[in-house]
């Protein structure tokens, strides 16, 4: 059981790292403001992808904390 939780923790942590790194920053600078303006003119293309990354980050963070607490309880 402990080994399965530890493997799960590693997988969830990699998903959490990837989902955080794939998100764009709040202040992307000049290039972000130019592309952001283009997205507003042409439609909302990036919203689905950003929403998916936000949801994946939230789920991975909750799983990370849950598995960490379970590992501490097992010890």
PDB file of N, CA and C in Angstrom:
ATOM      1  N   UNK A   1       0.828  -1.195   0.000  1.00  0.00           N
ATOM      2  CA  UNK A   1       0.000   0.000   0.000  1.00  0.00           C
ATOM      3  C   UNK A   1       0.876   1.264   0.000  1.00  0.00           C
ATOM      4  N   UNK A   2       1.914   1.221   0.846  1.00  0.00           N
ATOM      5  CA  UNK A   2       2.796   2.388   0.951  1.00  0.00           C
ATOM      6  C   UNK A   2       3.517   2.639  -0.363  1.00  0.00           C
ATOM      7  N   UNK A   3       3.968   1.570  -1.020  1.00  0.00           N
ATOM      8  CA  UNK A   3       4.672   1.705  -2.285  1.00  0.00           C
ATOM      9  C   UNK A   3       3.755   2.275  -3.366  1.00  0.00           C
ATOM     10  N   UNK A   4       2.511   1.819  -3.391  1.00  0.00           N
ATOM     11  CA  UNK A   4       1.546   2.324  -4.380  1.00  0.00           C
ATOM     12  C   UNK A   4       1.283   3.816  -4.163  1.00  0.00           C
ATOM     13  N   UNK A   5       1.172   4.235  -2.913  1.00  0.00           N
ATOM     14  CA  UNK A   5       0.957   5.646  -2.615  1.00  0.00           C
ATOM     15  C   UNK A   5       2.177   6.486  -2.986  1.00  0.00           C
ATOM     16  N   UNK A   6       3.366   5.940  -2.782  1.00  0.00           N
ATOM     17  CA  UNK A   6       4.574   6.685  -3.130  1.00  0.00           C
ATOM     18  C   UNK A   6       4.706   6.844  -4.646  1.00  0.00           C
ATOM     19  N   UNK A   7       4.375   5.800  -5.393  1.00  0.00           N
ATOM     20  CA  UNK A   7       4.393   5.901  -6.859  1.00  0.00           C
ATOM     21  C   UNK A   7       3.337   6.900  -7.317  1.00  0.00           C
ATOM     22  N   UNK A   8       2.161   6.854  -6.708  1.00  0.00           N
ATOM     23  CA  UNK A   8       1.105   7.815  -7.026  1.00  0.00           C
ATOM     24  C   UNK A   8       1.532   9.241  -6.719  1.00  0.00           C
ATOM     25  N   UNK A   9       2.251   9.414  -5.616  1.00  0.00           N
ATOM     26  CA  UNK A   9       2.737  10.746  -5.240  1.00  0.00           C
ATOM     27  C   UNK A   9       3.704  11.289  -6.292  1.00  0.00           C
ATOM     28  N   UNK A  10       4.583  10.445  -6.786  1.00  0.00           N
ATOM     29  CA  UNK A  10       5.535  10.875  -7.802  1.00  0.00           C
ATOM     30  C   UNK A  10       4.806  11.260  -9.085  1.00  0.00           C
ATOM     31  N   UNK A  11       3.839  10.459  -9.502  1.00  0.00           N
ATOM     32  CA  UNK A  11       3.084  10.745 -10.729  1.00  0.00           C
ATOM     33  C   UNK A  11       2.292  12.036 -10.583  1.00  0.00           C
ATOM     34  N   UNK A  12       1.624  12.197  -9.452  1.00  0.00           N
ATOM     35  CA  UNK A  12       0.829  13.411  -9.225  1.00  0.00           C
ATOM     36  C   UNK A  12       1.732  14.636  -9.158  1.00  0.00           C
ATOM     37  N   UNK A  13       2.895  14.498  -8.554  1.00  0.00           N
ATOM     38  CA  UNK A  13       3.795  15.648  -8.478  1.00  0.00           C
ATOM     39  C   UNK A  13       4.303  16.044  -9.862  1.00  0.00           C
ATOM     40  N   UNK A  14       4.575  15.073 -10.736  1.00  0.00           N
ATOM     41  CA  UNK A  14       4.994  15.398 -12.099  1.00  0.00           C
ATOM     42  C   UNK A  14       3.870  16.082 -12.882  1.00  0.00           C
ATOM     43  N   UNK A  15       2.636  15.608 -12.698  1.00  0.00           N
ATOM     44  CA  UNK A  15       1.494  16.253 -13.354  1.00  0.00           C
ATOM     45  C   UNK A  15       1.312  17.668 -12.838  1.00  0.00           C
ATOM     46  N   UNK A  16       1.484  17.855 -11.540  1.00  0.00           N
ATOM     47  CA  UNK A  16       1.354  19.185 -10.939  1.00  0.00           C
ATOM     48  C   UNK A  16       2.426  20.135 -11.469  1.00  0.00           C
ATOM     49  N   UNK A  17       3.647  19.672 -11.555  1.00  0.00           N
ATOM     50  CA  UNK A  17       4.733  20.507 -12.078  1.00  0.00           C
ATOM     51  C   UNK A  17       4.462  20.879 -13.528  1.00  0.00           C
ATOM     52  N   UNK A  18       4.064  19.899 -14.334  1.00  0.00           N
ATOM     53  CA  UNK A  18       3.803  20.159 -15.754  1.00  0.00           C
ATOM     54  C   UNK A  18       2.646  21.130 -15.945  1.00  0.00           C
ATOM     55  N   UNK A  19       1.576  20.953 -15.171  1.00  0.00           N
ATOM     56  CA  UNK A  19       0.419  21.835 -15.346  1.00  0.00           C
ATOM     57  C   UNK A  19       0.730  23.267 -14.915  1.00  0.00           C
ATOM     58  N   UNK A  20       1.581  23.430 -13.926  1.00  0.00           N
ATOM     59  CA  UNK A  20       1.965  24.783 -13.502  1.00  0.00           C
ATOM     60  C   UNK A  20       2.879  25.427 -14.540  1.00  0.00           C
ATOM     61  N   UNK A  21       3.819  24.670 -15.063  1.00  0.00           N
ATOM     62  CA  UNK A  21       4.757  25.234 -16.036  1.00  0.00           C
ATOM     63  C   UNK A  21       4.091  25.561 -17.369  1.00  0.00           C
ATOM     64  N   UNK A  22       3.028  24.854 -17.733  1.00  0.00           N
ATOM     65  CA  UNK A  22       2.357  25.114 -18.999  1.00  0.00           C
ATOM     66  C   UNK A  22       1.438  26.329 -18.952  1.00  0.00           C
ATOM     67  N   UNK A  23       1.103  26.794 -17.758  1.00  0.00           N
ATOM     68  CA  UNK A  23       0.233  27.956 -17.648  1.00  0.00           C
ATOM     69  C   UNK A  23       0.993  29.222 -17.985  1.00  0.00           C
ATOM     70  N   UNK A  24       0.306  30.155 -18.613  1.00  0.00           N
ATOM     71  CA  UNK A  24       0.938  31.437 -18.904  1.00  0.00           C
ATOM     72  C   UNK A  24       0.837  32.333 -17.676  1.00  0.00           C
ATOM     73  N   UNK A  25       1.791  33.239 -17.560  1.00  0.00           N
ATOM     74  CA  UNK A  25       1.812  34.130 -16.412  1.00  0.00           C
ATOM     75  C   UNK A  25       0.740  35.209 -16.516  1.00  0.00           C
ATOM     76  N   UNK A  26       0.452  35.846 -15.402  1.00  0.00           N
ATOM     77  CA  UNK A  26      -0.539  36.927 -15.392  1.00  0.00           C
ATOM     78  C   UNK A  26      -0.031  38.143 -16.151  1.00  0.00           C
ATOM     79  N   UNK A  27       1.260  38.427 -16.024  1.00  0.00           N
ATOM     80  CA  UNK A  27       1.834  39.560 -16.747  1.00  0.00           C
ATOM     81  C   UNK A  27       2.863  38.997 -17.723  1.00  0.00           C
ATOM     82  N   UNK A  28       2.446  38.715 -18.925  1.00  0.00           N
ATOM     83  CA  UNK A  28       3.320  38.089 -19.911  1.00  0.00           C
ATOM     84  C   UNK A  28       4.173  39.120 -20.644  1.00  0.00           C
ATOM     85  N   UNK A  29       4.112  40.367 -20.264  1.00  0.00           N
ATOM     86  CA  UNK A  29       4.920  41.403 -20.890  1.00  0.00           C
ATOM     87  C   UNK A  29       4.283  41.934 -22.158  1.00  0.00           C
ATOM     88  N   UNK A  30       5.104  42.543 -22.999  1.00  0.00           N
ATOM     89  CA  UNK A  30       4.611  43.173 -24.216  1.00  0.00           C
ATOM     90  C   UNK A  30       4.059  42.144 -25.191  1.00  0.00           C
ATOM     91  N   UNK A  31       4.735  41.020 -25.343  1.00  0.00           N
ATOM     92  CA  UNK A  31       4.250  40.007 -26.284  1.00  0.00           C
ATOM     93  C   UNK A  31       2.925  39.420 -25.815  1.00  0.00           C
ATOM     94  N   UNK A  32       2.754  39.277 -24.513  1.00  0.00           N
ATOM     95  CA  UNK A  32       1.495  38.768 -23.989  1.00  0.00           C
ATOM     96  C   UNK A  32       0.353  39.739 -24.184  1.00  0.00           C
ATOM     97  N   UNK A  33       0.642  41.038 -24.093  1.00  0.00           N
ATOM     98  CA  UNK A  33      -0.426  42.011 -24.288  1.00  0.00           C
ATOM     99  C   UNK A  33      -0.828  42.097 -25.756  1.00  0.00           C
ATOM    100  N   UNK A  34       0.130  41.910 -26.645  1.00  0.00           N
ATOM    101  CA  UNK A  34      -0.191  41.934 -28.068  1.00  0.00           C
ATOM    102  C   UNK A  34      -1.014  40.710 -28.442  1.00  0.00           C
ATOM    103  N   UNK A  35      -0.580  39.531 -28.005  1.00  0.00           N
ATOM    104  CA  UNK A  35      -1.335  38.323 -28.343  1.00  0.00           C
ATOM    105  C   UNK A  35      -2.673  38.299 -27.615  1.00  0.00           C
ATOM    106  N   UNK A  36      -2.712  38.861 -26.419  1.00  0.00           N
ATOM    107  CA  UNK A  36      -3.980  38.926 -25.696  1.00  0.00           C
ATOM    108  C   UNK A  36      -4.984  39.807 -26.406  1.00  0.00           C
ATOM    109  N   UNK A  37      -4.502  40.910 -26.971  1.00  0.00           N
ATOM    110  CA  UNK A  37      -5.391  41.780 -27.739  1.00  0.00           C
ATOM    111  C   UNK A  37      -5.878  41.105 -28.998  1.00  0.00           C
ATOM    112  N   UNK A  38      -5.012  40.322 -29.620  1.00  0.00           N
ATOM    113  CA  UNK A  38      -5.415  39.599 -30.829  1.00  0.00           C
ATOM    114  C   UNK A  38      -6.452  38.541 -30.506  1.00  0.00           C
ATOM    115  N   UNK A  39      -6.322  37.881 -29.361  1.00  0.00           N
ATOM    116  CA  UNK A  39      -7.308  36.880 -28.971  1.00  0.00           C
ATOM    117  C   UNK A  39      -8.664  37.521 -28.711  1.00  0.00           C
ATOM    118  N   UNK A  40      -8.660  38.728 -28.145  1.00  0.00           N
ATOM    119  CA  UNK A  40      -9.926  39.393 -27.880  1.00  0.00           C
ATOM    120  C   UNK A  40     -10.611  39.799 -29.174  1.00  0.00           C
ATOM    121  N   UNK A  41      -9.826  40.186 -30.168  1.00  0.00           N
ATOM    122  CA  UNK A  41     -10.413  40.577 -31.442  1.00  0.00           C
ATOM    123  C   UNK A  41     -10.942  39.379 -32.216  1.00  0.00           C
ATOM    124  N   UNK A  42     -10.209  38.275 -32.180  1.00  0.00           N
ATOM    125  CA  UNK A  42     -10.562  37.122 -33.000  1.00  0.00           C
ATOM    126  C   UNK A  42     -11.401  36.096 -32.263  1.00  0.00           C
ATOM    127  N   UNK A  43     -11.630  36.264 -31.025  1.00  0.00           N
ATOM    128  CA  UNK A  43     -12.419  35.308 -30.266  1.00  0.00           C
ATOM    129  C   UNK A  43     -11.654  34.787 -29.069  1.00  0.00           C
ATOM    130  N   UNK A  44     -12.285  33.919 -28.326  1.00  0.00           N
ATOM    131  CA  UNK A  44     -11.685  33.399 -27.102  1.00  0.00           C
ATOM    132  C   UNK A  44     -11.124  32.013 -27.375  1.00  0.00           C
ATOM    133  N   UNK A  45      -9.978  31.941 -28.006  1.00  0.00           N
ATOM    134  CA  UNK A  45      -9.372  30.664 -28.375  1.00  0.00           C
ATOM    135  C   UNK A  45      -8.703  29.982 -27.188  1.00  0.00           C
ATOM    136  N   UNK A  46      -8.009  30.722 -26.366  1.00  0.00           N
ATOM    137  CA  UNK A  46      -7.206  30.131 -25.312  1.00  0.00           C
ATOM    138  C   UNK A  46      -7.950  29.813 -24.039  1.00  0.00           C
ATOM    139  N   UNK A  47      -9.201  30.176 -23.916  1.00  0.00           N
ATOM    140  CA  UNK A  47      -9.915  30.003 -22.658  1.00  0.00           C
ATOM    141  C   UNK A  47     -10.119  28.540 -22.300  1.00  0.00           C
ATOM    142  N   UNK A  48     -10.414  27.690 -23.269  1.00  0.00           N
ATOM    143  CA  UNK A  48     -10.633  26.282 -22.973  1.00  0.00           C
ATOM    144  C   UNK A  48      -9.377  25.613 -22.465  1.00  0.00           C
ATOM    145  N   UNK A  49      -8.246  25.920 -23.078  1.00  0.00           N
ATOM    146  CA  UNK A  49      -6.964  25.347 -22.687  1.00  0.00           C
ATOM    147  C   UNK A  49      -6.560  25.842 -21.302  1.00  0.00           C
ATOM    148  N   UNK A  50      -6.736  27.124 -21.044  1.00  0.00           N
ATOM    149  CA  UNK A  50      -6.386  27.678 -19.735  1.00  0.00           C
ATOM    150  C   UNK A  50      -7.281  27.124 -18.638  1.00  0.00           C
ATOM    151  N   UNK A  51      -8.562  26.961 -18.937  1.00  0.00           N
ATOM    152  CA  UNK A  51      -9.483  26.401 -17.951  1.00  0.00           C
ATOM    153  C   UNK A  51      -9.124  24.954 -17.636  1.00  0.00           C
ATOM    154  N   UNK A  52      -8.737  24.207 -18.660  1.00  0.00           N
ATOM    155  CA  UNK A  52      -8.326  22.818 -18.456  1.00  0.00           C
ATOM    156  C   UNK A  52      -7.067  22.749 -17.596  1.00  0.00           C
ATOM    157  N   UNK A  53      -6.106  23.629 -17.855  1.00  0.00           N
ATOM    158  CA  UNK A  53      -4.886  23.642 -17.047  1.00  0.00           C
ATOM    159  C   UNK A  53      -5.176  24.051 -15.605  1.00  0.00           C
ATOM    160  N   UNK A  54      -6.067  25.009 -15.413  1.00  0.00           N
ATOM    161  CA  UNK A  54      -6.435  25.417 -14.051  1.00  0.00           C
ATOM    162  C   UNK A  54      -7.087  24.270 -13.292  1.00  0.00           C
ATOM    163  N   UNK A  55      -7.986  23.560 -13.965  1.00  0.00           N
ATOM    164  CA  UNK A  55      -8.663  22.433 -13.326  1.00  0.00           C
ATOM    165  C   UNK A  55      -7.679  21.305 -13.032  1.00  0.00           C
ATOM    166  N   UNK A  56      -6.760  21.026 -13.974  1.00  0.00           N
ATOM    167  CA  UNK A  56      -5.762  19.978 -13.757  1.00  0.00           C
ATOM    168  C   UNK A  56      -4.847  20.333 -12.590  1.00  0.00           C
ATOM    169  N   UNK A  57      -4.482  21.598 -12.470  1.00  0.00           N
ATOM    170  CA  UNK A  57      -3.633  22.040 -11.364  1.00  0.00           C
ATOM    171  C   UNK A  57      -4.346  21.872 -10.031  1.00  0.00           C
ATOM    172  N   UNK A  58      -5.610  22.244  -9.993  1.00  0.00           N
ATOM    173  CA  UNK A  58      -6.381  22.121  -8.752  1.00  0.00           C
ATOM    174  C   UNK A  58      -6.532  20.667  -8.337  1.00  0.00           C
ATOM    175  N   UNK A  59      -6.886  19.813  -9.281  1.00  0.00           N
ATOM    176  CA  UNK A  59      -7.068  18.388  -8.970  1.00  0.00           C
ATOM    177  C   UNK A  59      -5.745  17.768  -8.529  1.00  0.00           C
ATOM    178  N   UNK A  60      -4.660  18.086  -9.223  1.00  0.00           N
ATOM    179  CA  UNK A  60      -3.358  17.525  -8.868  1.00  0.00           C
ATOM    180  C   UNK A  60      -2.910  18.004  -7.488  1.00  0.00           C
ATOM    181  N   UNK A  61      -3.178  19.262  -7.163  1.00  0.00           N
ATOM    182  CA  UNK A  61      -2.791  19.784  -5.843  1.00  0.00           C
ATOM    183  C   UNK A  61      -3.574  19.097  -4.728  1.00  0.00           C
ATOM    184  N   UNK A  62      -4.867  18.893  -4.940  1.00  0.00           N
ATOM    185  CA  UNK A  62      -5.691  18.219  -3.928  1.00  0.00           C
ATOM    186  C   UNK A  62      -5.230  16.770  -3.755  1.00  0.00           C
ATOM    187  N   UNK A  63      -4.965  16.088  -4.868  1.00  0.00           N
ATOM    188  CA  UNK A  63      -4.473  14.715  -4.789  1.00  0.00           C
ATOM    189  C   UNK A  63      -3.103  14.652  -4.102  1.00  0.00           C
ATOM    190  N   UNK A  64      -2.238  15.599  -4.406  1.00  0.00           N
ATOM    191  CA  UNK A  64      -0.910  15.644  -3.789  1.00  0.00           C
ATOM    192  C   UNK A  64      -1.028  15.751  -2.277  1.00  0.00           C
ATOM    193  N   UNK A  65      -1.863  16.657  -1.808  1.00  0.00           N
ATOM    194  CA  UNK A  65      -2.030  16.844  -0.362  1.00  0.00           C
ATOM    195  C   UNK A  65      -2.681  15.618   0.263  1.00  0.00           C
ATOM    196  N   UNK A  66      -3.677  15.070  -0.411  1.00  0.00           N
ATOM    197  CA  UNK A  66      -4.353  13.870   0.121  1.00  0.00           C
ATOM    198  C   UNK A  66      -3.423  12.676   0.240  1.00  0.00           C
ATOM    199  N   UNK A  67      -2.616  12.448  -0.802  1.00  0.00           N
ATOM    200  CA  UNK A  67      -1.683  11.318  -0.753  1.00  0.00           C
ATOM    201  C   UNK A  67      -0.601  11.561   0.294  1.00  0.00           C
ATOM    202  N   UNK A  68      -0.146  12.800   0.422  1.00  0.00           N
ATOM    203  CA  UNK A  68       0.870  13.112   1.437  1.00  0.00           C
ATOM    204  C   UNK A  68       0.330  12.854   2.847  1.00  0.00           C
ATOM    205  N   UNK A  69      -0.905  13.236   3.083  1.00  0.00           N
ATOM    206  CA  UNK A  69      -1.511  12.980   4.399  1.00  0.00           C
ATOM    207  C   UNK A  69      -1.707  11.496   4.634  1.00  0.00           C
ATOM    208  N   UNK A  70      -2.087  10.756   3.596  1.00  0.00           N
ATOM    209  CA  UNK A  70      -2.247   9.312   3.718  1.00  0.00           C
ATOM    210  C   UNK A  70      -0.901   8.637   4.021  1.00  0.00           C
ATOM    211  N   UNK A  71       0.158   9.089   3.375  1.00  0.00           N
ATOM    212  CA  UNK A  71       1.479   8.524   3.658  1.00  0.00           C
ATOM    213  C   UNK A  71       1.925   8.803   5.079  1.00  0.00           C
ATOM    214  N   UNK A  72       1.617   9.979   5.585  1.00  0.00           N
ATOM    215  CA  UNK A  72       1.974  10.307   6.973  1.00  0.00           C
ATOM    216  C   UNK A  72       1.156   9.457   7.938  1.00  0.00           C
ATOM    217  N   UNK A  73      -0.115   9.231   7.622  1.00  0.00           N
ATOM    218  CA  UNK A  73      -0.969   8.428   8.491  1.00  0.00           C
ATOM    219  C   UNK A  73      -0.510   6.974   8.516  1.00  0.00           C
ATOM    220  N   UNK A  74      -0.009   6.474   7.405  1.00  0.00           N
ATOM    221  CA  UNK A  74       0.461   5.090   7.344  1.00  0.00           C
ATOM    222  C   UNK A  74       1.721   4.910   8.178  1.00  0.00           C
ATOM    223  N   UNK A  75       2.597   5.891   8.170  1.00  0.00           N
ATOM    224  CA  UNK A  75       3.829   5.805   8.944  1.00  0.00           C
ATOM    225  C   UNK A  75       3.490   5.831  10.404  1.00  0.00           C
TER     226      UNK A  75
END
